[in-house]
C-alpha atoms as a PDB file:
ATOM      1  CA  MET A   1       0.000   0.000   0.000  1.00  0.00           C
ATOM      2  CA  ALA A   2       1.434   3.371  -1.014  1.00  0.00           C
ATOM      3  CA  ALA A   3       2.008   5.960   1.659  1.00  0.00           C
ATOM      4  CA  GLU A   4      -0.637   8.639   1.583  1.00  0.00           C
ATOM      5  CA  THR A   5       0.606  12.155   1.138  1.00  0.00           C
ATOM      6  CA  LYS A   6      -0.850  14.779   3.404  1.00  0.00           C
ATOM      7  CA  PRO A   7      -2.638  17.489   1.422  1.00  0.00           C
ATOM      8  CA  ASN A   8      -0.977  20.859   1.818  1.00  0.00           C
ATOM      9  CA  ALA A   9       2.052  19.234   3.487  1.00  0.00           C
ATOM     10  CA  ASP A  10       4.270  21.863   1.851  1.00  0.00           C
ATOM     11  CA  ILE A  11       2.733  24.520   4.091  1.00  0.00           C
ATOM     12  CA  GLU A  12       4.565  23.257   7.175  1.00  0.00           C
ATOM     13  CA  GLY A  13       7.880  24.500   5.782  1.00  0.00           C
ATOM     14  CA  LEU A  14       6.717  27.956   4.723  1.00  0.00           C
ATOM     15  CA  SER A  15       7.947  31.155   6.298  1.00  0.00           C
ATOM     16  CA  TYR A  16       5.358  33.563   7.673  1.00  0.00           C
ATOM     17  CA  GLU A  17       5.774  35.847   4.678  1.00  0.00           C
ATOM     18  CA  ASP A  18       5.358  33.030   2.143  1.00  0.00           C
ATOM     19  CA  ALA A  19       2.325  31.602   3.934  1.00  0.00           C
ATOM     20  CA  ARG A  20       0.703  35.029   4.155  1.00  0.00           C
ATOM     21  CA  GLU A  21       1.387  35.771   0.488  1.00  0.00           C
ATOM     22  CA  GLN A  22      -0.137  32.458  -0.563  1.00  0.00           C
ATOM     23  CA  LEU A  23      -3.117  33.048   1.726  1.00  0.00           C
ATOM     24  CA  VAL A  24      -3.761  36.404   0.048  1.00  0.00           C
ATOM     25  CA  GLY A  25      -3.675  34.613  -3.318  1.00  0.00           C
ATOM     26  CA  VAL A  26      -6.142  31.974  -2.152  1.00  0.00           C
ATOM     27  CA  VAL A  27      -8.549  34.606  -0.851  1.00  0.00           C
ATOM     28  CA  SER A  28      -8.311  36.515  -4.130  1.00  0.00           C
ATOM     29  CA  ARG A  29      -9.062  33.388  -6.140  1.00  0.00           C
ATOM     30  CA  LEU A  30     -12.049  32.540  -3.951  1.00  0.00           C
ATOM     31  CA  GLU A  31     -13.380  36.089  -4.146  1.00  0.00           C
ATOM     32  CA  ALA A  32     -13.022  36.131  -7.932  1.00  0.00           C
ATOM     33  CA  GLY A  33     -15.364  33.146  -8.190  1.00  0.00           C
ATOM     34  CA  GLY A  34     -15.601  30.946 -11.220  1.00  0.00           C
ATOM     35  CA  ALA A  35     -13.976  27.933  -9.589  1.00  0.00           C
ATOM     36  CA  SER A  36     -15.791  24.637  -9.435  1.00  0.00           C
ATOM     37  CA  LEU A  37     -17.143  23.453  -6.102  1.00  0.00           C
ATOM     38  CA  GLU A  38     -14.296  20.953  -5.810  1.00  0.00           C
ATOM     39  CA  GLU A  39     -11.690  23.635  -6.585  1.00  0.00           C
ATOM     40  CA  SER A  40     -13.314  26.045  -4.143  1.00  0.00           C
ATOM     41  CA  LEU A  41     -13.242  23.452  -1.367  1.00  0.00           C
ATOM     42  CA  ALA A  42      -9.577  22.679  -2.056  1.00  0.00           C
ATOM     43  CA  LEU A  43      -8.773  26.398  -2.007  1.00  0.00           C
ATOM     44  CA  TRP A  44     -10.703  26.845   1.242  1.00  0.00           C
ATOM     45  CA  GLU A  45      -8.837  23.967   2.876  1.00  0.00           C
ATOM     46  CA  ARG A  46      -5.507  25.358   1.711  1.00  0.00           C
ATOM     47  CA  GLY A  47      -6.482  28.789   3.018  1.00  0.00           C
ATOM     48  CA  GLU A  48      -7.327  27.319   6.406  1.00  0.00           C
ATOM     49  CA  ALA A  49      -3.972  25.514   6.524  1.00  0.00           C
ATOM     50  CA  LEU A  50      -2.121  28.680   5.483  1.00  0.00           C
ATOM     51  CA  ALA A  51      -3.921  30.740   8.138  1.00  0.00           C
ATOM     52  CA  LYS A  52      -2.997  28.140  10.764  1.00  0.00           C
ATOM     53  CA  ARG A  53       0.650  28.320   9.671  1.00  0.00           C
ATOM     54  CA  CYS A  54       0.612  32.111  10.015  1.00  0.00           C
ATOM     55  CA  GLU A  55      -0.883  31.759  13.495  1.00  0.00           C
ATOM     56  CA  GLN A  56       1.881  29.308  14.445  1.00  0.00           C
ATOM     57  CA  TRP A  57       4.536  31.805  13.374  1.00  0.00           C
ATOM     58  CA  LEU A  58       2.863  34.649  15.245  1.00  0.00           C
ATOM     59  CA  GLU A  59       2.448  32.583  18.405  1.00  0.00           C
ATOM     60  CA  GLY A  60       6.129  31.649  18.239  1.00  0.00           C
ATOM     61  CA  ALA A  61       7.038  35.316  17.888  1.00  0.00           C
ATOM     62  CA  ARG A  62       4.850  36.217  20.886  1.00  0.00           C
ATOM     63  CA  LYS A  63       6.571  33.596  23.006  1.00  0.00           C
ATOM     64  CA  ARG A  64      10.027  34.816  21.986  1.00  0.00           C
ATOM     65  CA  LEU A  65       9.080  38.414  22.787  1.00  0.00           C
ATOM     66  CA  ALA A  66       7.702  37.406  26.170  1.00  0.00           C
ATOM     67  CA  ALA A  67      10.877  35.455  26.925  1.00  0.00           C
ATOM     68  CA  ALA A  68      13.024  38.422  25.880  1.00  0.00           C
ATOM     69  CA  ARG A  69      10.965  40.764  28.085  1.00  0.00           C
ATOM     70  CA  ASP A  70      11.283  38.394  31.033  1.00  0.00           C
ATOM     71  CA  GLN A  71      15.028  38.139  30.498  1.00  0.00           C
ATOM     72  CA  ALA A  72      15.376  41.914  30.201  1.00  0.00           C
ATOM     73  CA  SER A  73      13.445  42.472  33.430  1.00  0.00           C
ATOM     74  CA  GLN A  74      15.650  39.933  35.224  1.00  0.00           C
ATOM     75  CA  ASP A  75      18.805  41.550  33.867  1.00  0.00           C
ATOM     76  CA  GLY A  76      17.586  45.089  34.630  1.00  0.00           C
END
């Protein structure tokens, strides 16, 4: 049995900027309309995955900032 590939697996390796840029493209394509139902669903799912990736990056940044603030207050 062949190993199943995870849809949108490429998203996990994207930088915040790349994920955000692709998300903007997905939204634009959905807003433009004209896609089949199947295409629209695939775009929606990709958009959701891209948004989640952006959130992961932002949460990581928040944690690093909080750690830096804590360190600065301890050093101060």
